[in-house]
Amino acid sequence: MKKKSADILYKINPILGFIAMVVTQDIVLRFFFSKKKIIYNGFSIPLNSSIILAPTHRSRWDGLVLTMAMGRRITNKDCRFMVTKSEMSGLQGWFLKRLGCFSINQLSPSLSALRYAIDLIKKGEQLVVFPEGKINKYRKKLVLKEGLYRLSRLATKKTDSIFIIPIGIAYSKLSPKFRSEFCLSLGQPIEINNYLNFTIKEFNNFLYEGMIKAEEIALKNVGR
């Protein structure tokens, strides 16, 4: 039986994944940042549950920081990033595909991309979605994209337990510079089954509050 093309295209290359983990976590993050703090707030991975990480997005460093805090070394799961189509082009796209990232059209997501994301959730993979949809450097209040709630609702038809984790990421400098600091703070897990009667707007407001609350804790820890 042939594998699905999506599985082949986005399968994590184990050698490249290991090299990327060592280079980014043991070298780049270690030496670029003078202080690294992860606040788990008593978090533990819910058993037999699927997890969607929903972090704030303030810098291109966010993906590396998140992988350090919630990647394979901590959770025994890889972070499977849902990214914009433009990020999957060129040499960067070549690497991202082989590290398990996949693209989605934010304005008109394809059925194949949605099915692939739902399949990852069903399998218990750790999906990462930036609800703000883009880097929001100055913390402007944005209307969160509708995709996360729609996706999680669709996924409840395939698996019983899905948790969304709001996450705040902060840096000591607005634009992270050499030897600056970062802090990542995990918010209270949201079990999507308890919010199926919410409208998209109601849920996004609730999720946004959780993300900002977690970010405020992170900001305080980097002196901002």
C-alpha atoms as a PDB file:
ATOM      1  CA  MET A   1       0.000   0.000   0.000  1.00  0.00           C
ATOM      2  CA  LYS A   2       1.374   3.398  -0.963  1.00  0.00           C
ATOM      3  CA  LYS A   3       1.741   6.090   1.645  1.00  0.00           C
ATOM      4  CA  LYS A   4      -0.250   9.261   1.298  1.00  0.00           C
ATOM      5  CA  SER A   5       1.706  11.933  -0.571  1.00  0.00           C
ATOM      6  CA  ALA A   6       1.221  14.347   2.363  1.00  0.00           C
ATOM      7  CA  ASP A   7       2.821  11.845   4.737  1.00  0.00           C
ATOM      8  CA  ILE A   8       5.810  11.529   2.412  1.00  0.00           C
ATOM      9  CA  LEU A   9       6.103  15.269   1.849  1.00  0.00           C
ATOM     10  CA  TYR A  10       5.929  16.274   5.508  1.00  0.00           C
ATOM     11  CA  LYS A  11       7.522  13.307   7.236  1.00  0.00           C
ATOM     12  CA  ILE A  12      10.230  14.476   9.636  1.00  0.00           C
ATOM     13  CA  ASN A  13      13.689  13.466   8.530  1.00  0.00           C
ATOM     14  CA  PRO A  14      15.163  11.912  11.718  1.00  0.00           C
ATOM     15  CA  ILE A  15      18.764  12.844  10.943  1.00  0.00           C
ATOM     16  CA  LEU A  16      17.948  16.408   9.923  1.00  0.00           C
ATOM     17  CA  GLY A  17      15.593  16.722  12.888  1.00  0.00           C
ATOM     18  CA  PHE A  18      18.319  15.657  15.336  1.00  0.00           C
ATOM     19  CA  ILE A  19      20.875  17.995  13.779  1.00  0.00           C
ATOM     20  CA  ALA A  20      18.405  20.894  13.849  1.00  0.00           C
ATOM     21  CA  MET A  21      17.601  20.207  17.525  1.00  0.00           C
ATOM     22  CA  VAL A  22      21.260  20.183  18.561  1.00  0.00           C
ATOM     23  CA  VAL A  23      22.203  23.247  16.509  1.00  0.00           C
ATOM     24  CA  THR A  24      19.238  25.391  17.560  1.00  0.00           C
ATOM     25  CA  GLN A  25      18.896  24.386  21.214  1.00  0.00           C
ATOM     26  CA  ASP A  26      22.451  23.559  22.257  1.00  0.00           C
ATOM     27  CA  ILE A  27      24.265  26.173  20.221  1.00  0.00           C
ATOM     28  CA  VAL A  28      22.130  29.004  18.813  1.00  0.00           C
ATOM     29  CA  LEU A  29      19.679  29.574  21.686  1.00  0.00           C
ATOM     30  CA  ARG A  30      22.289  28.798  24.320  1.00  0.00           C
ATOM     31  CA  PHE A  31      24.761  31.409  23.148  1.00  0.00           C
ATOM     32  CA  PHE A  32      22.464  34.040  21.636  1.00  0.00           C
ATOM     33  CA  PHE A  33      20.306  34.509  24.738  1.00  0.00           C
ATOM     34  CA  SER A  34      21.857  35.255  28.128  1.00  0.00           C
ATOM     35  CA  LYS A  35      18.846  33.998  30.065  1.00  0.00           C
ATOM     36  CA  LYS A  36      16.161  31.479  29.109  1.00  0.00           C
ATOM     37  CA  LYS A  37      13.164  30.833  31.315  1.00  0.00           C
ATOM     38  CA  ILE A  38      10.268  28.433  30.795  1.00  0.00           C
ATOM     39  CA  ILE A  39       7.290  28.708  33.143  1.00  0.00           C
ATOM     40  CA  TYR A  40       5.168  25.568  32.981  1.00  0.00           C
ATOM     41  CA  ASN A  41       2.733  26.650  35.724  1.00  0.00           C
ATOM     42  CA  GLY A  42       2.202  23.060  36.846  1.00  0.00           C
ATOM     43  CA  PHE A  43       1.495  21.922  33.294  1.00  0.00           C
ATOM     44  CA  SER A  44       1.474  18.219  32.541  1.00  0.00           C
ATOM     45  CA  ILE A  45       0.513  16.585  29.258  1.00  0.00           C
ATOM     46  CA  PRO A  46      -3.064  15.275  29.484  1.00  0.00           C
ATOM     47  CA  LEU A  47      -2.989  11.503  29.019  1.00  0.00           C
ATOM     48  CA  ASN A  48      -4.386  10.076  25.782  1.00  0.00           C
ATOM     49  CA  SER A  49      -5.124  13.552  24.492  1.00  0.00           C
ATOM     50  CA  SER A  50      -4.220  15.583  21.446  1.00  0.00           C
ATOM     51  CA  ILE A  51      -2.528  18.937  21.985  1.00  0.00           C
ATOM     52  CA  ILE A  52      -2.646  22.136  19.941  1.00  0.00           C
ATOM     53  CA  LEU A  53      -0.188  24.816  21.020  1.00  0.00           C
ATOM     54  CA  ALA A  54      -1.444  28.386  20.522  1.00  0.00           C
ATOM     55  CA  PRO A  55       1.392  30.871  21.180  1.00  0.00           C
ATOM     56  CA  THR A  56       1.644  34.611  20.778  1.00  0.00           C
ATOM     57  CA  HIS A  57       3.817  35.626  17.830  1.00  0.00           C
ATOM     58  CA  ARG A  58       6.297  38.441  18.473  1.00  0.00           C
ATOM     59  CA  SER A  59       9.455  37.364  16.665  1.00  0.00           C
ATOM     60  CA  ARG A  60      10.961  34.900  14.211  1.00  0.00           C
ATOM     61  CA  TRP A  61      12.645  33.369  17.263  1.00  0.00           C
ATOM     62  CA  ASP A  62       9.280  32.121  18.560  1.00  0.00           C
ATOM     63  CA  GLY A  63       9.416  28.797  16.731  1.00  0.00           C
ATOM     64  CA  LEU A  64      12.852  27.909  18.121  1.00  0.00           C
ATOM     65  CA  VAL A  65      11.908  28.999  21.636  1.00  0.00           C
ATOM     66  CA  LEU A  66       8.684  26.987  21.512  1.00  0.00           C
ATOM     67  CA  THR A  67      10.482  23.878  20.269  1.00  0.00           C
ATOM     68  CA  MET A  68      12.963  24.175  23.124  1.00  0.00           C
ATOM     69  CA  ALA A  69      10.142  24.444  25.675  1.00  0.00           C
ATOM     70  CA  MET A  70       7.701  21.905  24.246  1.00  0.00           C
ATOM     71  CA  GLY A  71       9.650  19.850  21.719  1.00  0.00           C
ATOM     72  CA  ARG A  72      10.840  16.252  21.700  1.00  0.00           C
ATOM     73  CA  ARG A  73      13.226  16.596  24.632  1.00  0.00           C
ATOM     74  CA  ILE A  74      10.413  17.740  26.921  1.00  0.00           C
ATOM     75  CA  THR A  75       7.228  16.098  25.636  1.00  0.00           C
ATOM     76  CA  ASN A  76       8.606  13.245  23.496  1.00  0.00           C
ATOM     77  CA  LYS A  77       6.669  14.841  20.647  1.00  0.00           C
ATOM     78  CA  ASP A  78       7.807  16.984  17.762  1.00  0.00           C
ATOM     79  CA  CYS A  79       6.221  20.387  17.211  1.00  0.00           C
ATOM     80  CA  ARG A  80       4.355  20.220  13.901  1.00  0.00           C
ATOM     81  CA  PHE A  81       4.053  23.827  12.759  1.00  0.00           C
ATOM     82  CA  MET A  82       1.244  25.067  10.543  1.00  0.00           C
ATOM     83  CA  VAL A  83       2.806  27.941   8.588  1.00  0.00           C
ATOM     84  CA  THR A  84       1.831  30.295   5.783  1.00  0.00           C
ATOM     85  CA  LYS A  85       2.404  29.273   2.179  1.00  0.00           C
ATOM     86  CA  SER A  86       5.039  31.973   1.635  1.00  0.00           C
ATOM     87  CA  GLU A  87       7.249  30.483   4.356  1.00  0.00           C
ATOM     88  CA  MET A  88       7.468  27.175   2.506  1.00  0.00           C
ATOM     89  CA  SER A  89       9.297  28.502  -0.525  1.00  0.00           C
ATOM     90  CA  GLY A  90      12.962  28.257  -1.480  1.00  0.00           C
ATOM     91  CA  LEU A  91      15.693  26.767   0.693  1.00  0.00           C
ATOM     92  CA  GLN A  92      13.814  27.628   3.882  1.00  0.00           C
ATOM     93  CA  GLY A  93      10.804  25.695   2.627  1.00  0.00           C
ATOM     94  CA  TRP A  94      12.996  22.691   1.794  1.00  0.00           C
ATOM     95  CA  PHE A  95      14.183  22.504   5.402  1.00  0.00           C
ATOM     96  CA  LEU A  96      10.782  23.234   6.942  1.00  0.00           C
ATOM     97  CA  LYS A  97       9.095  20.425   5.002  1.00  0.00           C
ATOM     98  CA  ARG A  98      11.680  17.960   6.264  1.00  0.00           C
ATOM     99  CA  LEU A  99      11.243  19.185   9.821  1.00  0.00           C
ATOM    100  CA  GLY A 100       7.522  18.433   9.785  1.00  0.00           C
ATOM    101  CA  CYS A 101       6.088  21.872   8.945  1.00  0.00           C
ATOM    102  CA  PHE A 102       3.256  22.228   6.466  1.00  0.00           C
ATOM    103  CA  SER A 103       1.600  25.179   4.807  1.00  0.00           C
ATOM    104  CA  ILE A 104      -1.968  26.367   4.689  1.00  0.00           C
ATOM    105  CA  ASN A 105      -3.680  29.177   2.817  1.00  0.00           C
ATOM    106  CA  GLN A 106      -5.101  31.379   5.585  1.00  0.00           C
ATOM    107  CA  LEU A 107      -7.744  32.940   3.337  1.00  0.00           C
ATOM    108  CA  SER A 108      -8.895  29.734   1.682  1.00  0.00           C
ATOM    109  CA  PRO A 109      -7.460  26.567   3.282  1.00  0.00           C
ATOM    110  CA  SER A 110      -7.547  23.522   1.029  1.00  0.00           C
ATOM    111  CA  LEU A 111      -9.351  20.353   2.050  1.00  0.00           C
ATOM    112  CA  SER A 112      -6.112  18.384   1.789  1.00  0.00           C
ATOM    113  CA  ALA A 113      -4.336  20.712   4.237  1.00  0.00           C
ATOM    114  CA  LEU A 114      -7.257  20.536   6.679  1.00  0.00           C
ATOM    115  CA  ARG A 115      -7.410  16.765   6.427  1.00  0.00           C
ATOM    116  CA  TYR A 116      -3.691  16.511   7.020  1.00  0.00           C
ATOM    117  CA  ALA A 117      -3.891  18.751  10.112  1.00  0.00           C
ATOM    118  CA  ILE A 118      -6.845  16.768  11.475  1.00  0.00           C
ATOM    119  CA  ASP A 119      -4.951  13.539  10.841  1.00  0.00           C
ATOM    120  CA  LEU A 120      -2.010  14.857  12.876  1.00  0.00           C
ATOM    121  CA  ILE A 121      -4.366  15.729  15.742  1.00  0.00           C
ATOM    122  CA  LYS A 122      -6.027  12.319  15.523  1.00  0.00           C
ATOM    123  CA  LYS A 123      -2.630  10.606  15.746  1.00  0.00           C
ATOM    124  CA  GLY A 124      -1.794  12.562  18.894  1.00  0.00           C
ATOM    125  CA  GLU A 125       0.849  14.728  17.250  1.00  0.00           C
ATOM    126  CA  GLN A 126       1.621  18.145  18.741  1.00  0.00           C
ATOM    127  CA  LEU A 127       0.252  20.764  16.363  1.00  0.00           C
ATOM    128  CA  VAL A 128       1.408  24.398  16.584  1.00  0.00           C
ATOM    129  CA  VAL A 129      -0.818  27.193  15.285  1.00  0.00           C
ATOM    130  CA  PHE A 130      -0.110  30.919  15.707  1.00  0.00           C
ATOM    131  CA  PRO A 131      -3.691  32.263  16.121  1.00  0.00           C
ATOM    132  CA  GLU A 132      -2.656  35.855  15.333  1.00  0.00           C
ATOM    133  CA  GLY A 133      -1.656  34.685  11.857  1.00  0.00           C
ATOM    134  CA  LYS A 134       1.494  36.801  11.631  1.00  0.00           C
ATOM    135  CA  ILE A 135       4.246  38.368  13.706  1.00  0.00           C
ATOM    136  CA  ASN A 136       2.637  40.982  15.944  1.00  0.00           C
ATOM    137  CA  LYS A 137       5.773  42.735  17.197  1.00  0.00           C
ATOM    138  CA  TYR A 138       4.066  45.628  18.978  1.00  0.00           C
ATOM    139  CA  ARG A 139       1.345  43.539  20.691  1.00  0.00           C
ATOM    140  CA  LYS A 140      -1.479  45.247  18.837  1.00  0.00           C
ATOM    141  CA  LYS A 141      -4.831  43.673  19.586  1.00  0.00           C
ATOM    142  CA  LEU A 142      -5.644  41.570  16.545  1.00  0.00           C
ATOM    143  CA  VAL A 143      -8.725  39.603  15.654  1.00  0.00           C
ATOM    144  CA  LEU A 144      -7.558  36.014  15.887  1.00  0.00           C
ATOM    145  CA  LYS A 145      -7.853  33.911  12.763  1.00  0.00           C
ATOM    146  CA  GLU A 146     -10.867  31.595  12.642  1.00  0.00           C
ATOM    147  CA  GLY A 147      -8.929  28.552  11.487  1.00  0.00           C
ATOM    148  CA  LEU A 148      -7.847  27.191  14.866  1.00  0.00           C
ATOM    149  CA  TYR A 149     -11.369  26.934  16.279  1.00  0.00           C
ATOM    150  CA  ARG A 150     -12.796  25.552  13.031  1.00  0.00           C
ATOM    151  CA  LEU A 151      -9.995  22.983  12.825  1.00  0.00           C
ATOM    152  CA  SER A 152     -10.335  21.867  16.438  1.00  0.00           C
ATOM    153  CA  ARG A 153     -14.113  21.498  16.087  1.00  0.00           C
ATOM    154  CA  LEU A 154     -13.691  19.354  12.984  1.00  0.00           C
ATOM    155  CA  ALA A 155     -11.073  17.267  14.772  1.00  0.00           C
ATOM    156  CA  THR A 156     -13.476  16.468  17.639  1.00  0.00           C
ATOM    157  CA  LYS A 157     -15.328  14.227  15.181  1.00  0.00           C
ATOM    158  CA  LYS A 158     -12.185  12.108  14.867  1.00  0.00           C
ATOM    159  CA  THR A 159     -10.845  12.067  18.429  1.00  0.00           C
ATOM    160  CA  ASP A 160     -12.397  12.486  21.869  1.00  0.00           C
ATOM    161  CA  SER A 161      -9.982  14.696  23.776  1.00  0.00           C
ATOM    162  CA  ILE A 162      -8.303  17.812  22.375  1.00  0.00           C
ATOM    163  CA  PHE A 163      -6.564  20.437  24.488  1.00  0.00           C
ATOM    164  CA  ILE A 164      -5.518  23.878  23.263  1.00  0.00           C
ATOM    165  CA  ILE A 165      -2.662  25.400  25.249  1.00  0.00           C
ATOM    166  CA  PRO A 166      -2.448  29.232  25.198  1.00  0.00           C
ATOM    167  CA  ILE A 167       1.195  30.328  25.404  1.00  0.00           C
ATOM    168  CA  GLY A 168       2.880  33.676  25.933  1.00  0.00           C
ATOM    169  CA  ILE A 169       6.410  34.356  24.650  1.00  0.00           C
ATOM    170  CA  ALA A 170       8.312  37.508  25.613  1.00  0.00           C
ATOM    171  CA  TYR A 171      11.773  38.966  25.062  1.00  0.00           C
ATOM    172  CA  SER A 172      13.691  41.521  27.105  1.00  0.00           C
ATOM    173  CA  LYS A 173      14.116  43.593  23.929  1.00  0.00           C
ATOM    174  CA  LEU A 174      11.322  44.379  21.501  1.00  0.00           C
ATOM    175  CA  SER A 175      13.559  43.007  18.758  1.00  0.00           C
ATOM    176  CA  PRO A 176      15.685  40.241  20.346  1.00  0.00           C
ATOM    177  CA  LYS A 177      19.381  41.080  20.291  1.00  0.00           C
ATOM    178  CA  PHE A 178      22.524  39.162  21.189  1.00  0.00           C
ATOM    179  CA  ARG A 179      22.589  38.266  24.908  1.00  0.00           C
ATOM    180  CA  SER A 180      19.049  39.429  25.546  1.00  0.00           C
ATOM    181  CA  GLU A 181      16.571  37.271  27.479  1.00  0.00           C
ATOM    182  CA  PHE A 182      13.418  35.338  26.716  1.00  0.00           C
ATOM    183  CA  CYS A 183      10.641  33.773  28.745  1.00  0.00           C
ATOM    184  CA  LEU A 184       7.883  31.393  27.695  1.00  0.00           C
ATOM    185  CA  SER A 185       4.829  30.893  29.895  1.00  0.00           C
ATOM    186  CA  LEU A 186       2.160  28.208  29.449  1.00  0.00           C
ATOM    187  CA  GLY A 187      -1.440  29.114  30.163  1.00  0.00           C
ATOM    188  CA  GLN A 188      -4.314  27.007  31.425  1.00  0.00           C
ATOM    189  CA  PRO A 189      -5.167  24.145  29.005  1.00  0.00           C
ATOM    190  CA  ILE A 190      -8.507  24.530  27.225  1.00  0.00           C
ATOM    191  CA  GLU A 191     -10.427  21.321  26.541  1.00  0.00           C
ATOM    192  CA  ILE A 192     -12.243  22.096  23.315  1.00  0.00           C
ATOM    193  CA  ASN A 193     -15.167  19.767  24.052  1.00  0.00           C
ATOM    194  CA  ASN A 194     -16.245  22.167  26.802  1.00  0.00           C
ATOM    195  CA  TYR A 195     -16.552  25.064  24.335  1.00  0.00           C
ATOM    196  CA  LEU A 196     -18.331  23.575  21.341  1.00  0.00           C
ATOM    197  CA  ASN A 197     -21.345  25.807  21.966  1.00  0.00           C
ATOM    198  CA  PHE A 198     -19.227  28.969  21.653  1.00  0.00           C
ATOM    199  CA  THR A 199     -19.290  31.087  18.535  1.00  0.00           C
ATOM    200  CA  ILE A 200     -15.943  31.600  16.811  1.00  0.00           C
ATOM    201  CA  LYS A 201     -15.796  35.158  18.137  1.00  0.00           C
ATOM    202  CA  GLU A 202     -16.572  34.067  21.714  1.00  0.00           C
ATOM    203  CA  PHE A 203     -13.972  31.325  21.666  1.00  0.00           C
ATOM    204  CA  ASN A 204     -11.303  33.512  20.074  1.00  0.00           C
ATOM    205  CA  ASN A 205     -11.873  36.181  22.723  1.00  0.00           C
ATOM    206  CA  PHE A 206     -11.505  33.517  25.416  1.00  0.00           C
ATOM    207  CA  LEU A 207      -8.354  32.098  23.835  1.00  0.00           C
ATOM    208  CA  TYR A 208      -6.889  35.581  23.338  1.00  0.00           C
ATOM    209  CA  GLU A 209      -7.356  36.365  27.030  1.00  0.00           C
ATOM    210  CA  GLY A 210      -5.492  33.179  27.925  1.00  0.00           C
ATOM    211  CA  MET A 211      -2.631  33.987  25.549  1.00  0.00           C
ATOM    212  CA  ILE A 212      -2.282  37.568  26.821  1.00  0.00           C
ATOM    213  CA  LYS A 213      -2.441  36.463  30.462  1.00  0.00           C
ATOM    214  CA  ALA A 214       0.390  33.999  29.814  1.00  0.00           C
ATOM    215  CA  GLU A 215       2.337  36.676  27.952  1.00  0.00           C
ATOM    216  CA  GLU A 216       2.009  39.149  30.818  1.00  0.00           C
ATOM    217  CA  ILE A 217       3.693  36.604  33.095  1.00  0.00           C
ATOM    218  CA  ALA A 218       6.469  36.144  30.535  1.00  0.00           C
ATOM    219  CA  LEU A 219       6.919  39.912  30.125  1.00  0.00           C
ATOM    220  CA  LYS A 220       7.249  40.384  33.870  1.00  0.00           C
ATOM    221  CA  ASN A 221      10.009  37.781  33.955  1.00  0.00           C
ATOM    222  CA  VAL A 222      12.080  39.600  31.330  1.00  0.00           C
ATOM    223  CA  GLY A 223      11.661  42.988  32.987  1.00  0.00           C
ATOM    224  CA  ARG A 224       9.099  44.547  30.677  1.00  0.00           C
END
